[in-house]
Amino acid sequence: MFRSSITTELIIQRLVTPPSPGSWHTHTGPSFSIVDKGTVVITRYSKKYGCVSTTYEAGGTYVEEAGEVHRASVPGPATAVEYKTRFYTQPGAPLSAPAADPCGTAP
């Protein structure tokens, strides 16, 4: 069960992403993702473990935690298709916010 004391939206997205290195960002709420086609690499940063990358192929699922600094990249050669459910999004607010690269990698 999810509860919120403020007005928020639940957003379901279909993302089609060509091969790219991605960019570092955060989200205000958690996101649940399913990779439908292609490959997605999620690189997460934490104080305890530093930067850790995990590869998700078609059929794979992953969670992005609220406030977590991470990057989603598509190594290619195929375009990736994902379905995402985003929770606790403020009405009219951006779905993500840029974050500085905590790993010293580009971009």
Protein backbone atom coordinates (compact mmCIF):
# COMPACT_ATOMS: atom_id res chain seq x y z
CA MET A 1 0.00 0.00 0.00
CA PHE A 2 1.23 3.46 -0.91
CA ARG A 3 0.04 6.53 0.95
CA SER A 4 0.78 10.19 0.50
CA SER A 5 -0.33 13.25 2.46
CA ILE A 6 0.06 15.46 -0.64
CA THR A 7 -1.50 15.31 -4.10
CA THR A 8 0.64 13.20 -6.43
CA GLU A 9 0.26 11.41 -9.73
CA LEU A 10 0.87 7.84 -10.82
CA ILE A 11 2.45 7.86 -14.28
CA ILE A 12 2.85 4.91 -16.62
CA GLN A 13 5.28 5.41 -19.51
CA ARG A 14 6.48 3.56 -22.57
CA LEU A 15 10.08 4.66 -23.19
CA VAL A 16 11.79 4.01 -26.51
CA THR A 17 15.51 4.80 -26.18
CA PRO A 18 18.11 4.47 -28.94
CA PRO A 19 21.65 3.45 -28.00
CA SER A 20 23.11 6.16 -25.75
CA PRO A 21 25.32 6.64 -22.68
CA GLY A 22 22.42 8.18 -20.72
CA SER A 23 22.69 10.97 -18.18
CA TRP A 24 22.89 11.12 -14.39
CA HIS A 25 19.61 12.03 -12.68
CA THR A 26 17.24 11.43 -9.77
CA HIS A 27 13.46 10.98 -9.37
CA THR A 28 11.21 12.37 -6.63
CA GLY A 29 9.44 9.04 -6.19
CA PRO A 30 10.15 5.37 -6.82
CA SER A 31 9.85 3.84 -10.28
CA PHE A 32 9.26 0.24 -11.29
CA SER A 33 10.53 -0.76 -14.74
CA ILE A 34 10.17 -3.66 -17.17
CA VAL A 35 12.52 -3.98 -20.15
CA ASP A 36 10.42 -5.13 -23.10
CA LYS A 37 13.07 -5.05 -25.85
CA GLY A 38 16.81 -4.48 -26.02
CA THR A 39 19.25 -3.95 -23.16
CA VAL A 40 19.35 -1.30 -20.44
CA VAL A 41 22.29 -0.73 -18.09
CA ILE A 42 21.49 1.00 -14.80
CA THR A 43 24.47 2.50 -12.99
CA ARG A 44 23.65 3.47 -9.43
CA TYR A 45 25.65 5.43 -6.89
CA SER A 46 25.60 4.88 -3.14
CA LYS A 47 27.98 6.00 -0.40
CA LYS A 48 28.38 2.40 0.72
CA TYR A 49 29.13 0.75 -2.67
CA GLY A 50 30.12 3.61 -4.98
CA CYS A 51 29.09 3.13 -8.61
CA VAL A 52 27.62 -0.25 -9.54
CA SER A 53 26.22 -1.16 -12.97
CA THR A 54 23.60 -3.84 -13.59
CA THR A 55 22.49 -5.01 -17.04
CA TYR A 56 18.82 -5.78 -17.73
CA GLU A 57 17.77 -7.67 -20.86
CA ALA A 58 14.26 -8.02 -22.28
CA GLY A 59 12.01 -9.45 -19.57
CA GLY A 60 14.16 -7.98 -16.79
CA THR A 61 12.74 -5.69 -14.12
CA TYR A 62 14.28 -3.13 -11.80
CA VAL A 63 13.40 -0.44 -9.27
CA GLU A 64 14.69 3.13 -9.10
CA GLU A 65 14.48 4.49 -5.55
CA ALA A 66 13.36 8.04 -4.80
CA GLY A 67 16.35 10.37 -4.66
CA GLU A 68 18.77 7.71 -5.94
CA VAL A 69 21.48 9.11 -8.23
CA HIS A 70 21.64 6.86 -11.28
CA ARG A 71 22.10 6.66 -15.02
CA ALA A 72 20.24 4.50 -17.54
CA SER A 73 22.23 3.72 -20.67
CA VAL A 74 21.41 1.65 -23.75
CA PRO A 75 24.56 -0.05 -25.08
CA GLY A 76 22.98 -1.05 -28.40
CA PRO A 77 23.04 -1.89 -31.14
CA ALA A 78 19.26 -2.20 -30.67
CA THR A 79 16.88 0.43 -29.34
CA ALA A 80 15.49 -0.38 -25.89
CA VAL A 81 11.78 -0.33 -25.03
CA GLU A 82 10.74 -0.10 -21.38
CA TYR A 83 7.52 0.30 -19.44
CA LYS A 84 7.79 2.37 -16.25
CA THR A 85 5.39 3.09 -13.43
CA ARG A 86 6.34 6.23 -11.51
CA PHE A 87 4.91 6.96 -8.08
CA TYR A 88 4.63 10.18 -6.03
CA THR A 89 5.14 12.52 -8.96
CA GLN A 90 4.00 16.08 -8.30
CA PRO A 91 1.34 17.21 -10.81
CA GLY A 92 3.07 19.15 -13.60
CA ALA A 93 6.56 18.56 -12.20
CA PRO A 94 9.40 17.10 -14.29
CA LEU A 95 9.82 13.33 -13.99
CA SER A 96 13.55 13.61 -13.29
CA ALA A 97 16.16 16.11 -12.18
CA PRO A 98 19.74 16.25 -13.50
CA ALA A 99 22.46 15.12 -11.09
CA ALA A 100 26.23 15.55 -11.07
CA ASP A 101 28.26 12.54 -12.20
CA PRO A 102 29.32 10.87 -8.93
CA CYS A 103 31.58 8.35 -10.70
CA GLY A 104 33.79 10.64 -12.73
CA THR A 105 32.61 9.16 -16.03
CA ALA A 106 31.17 10.81 -19.10
CA PRO A 107 28.50 11.97 -19.62
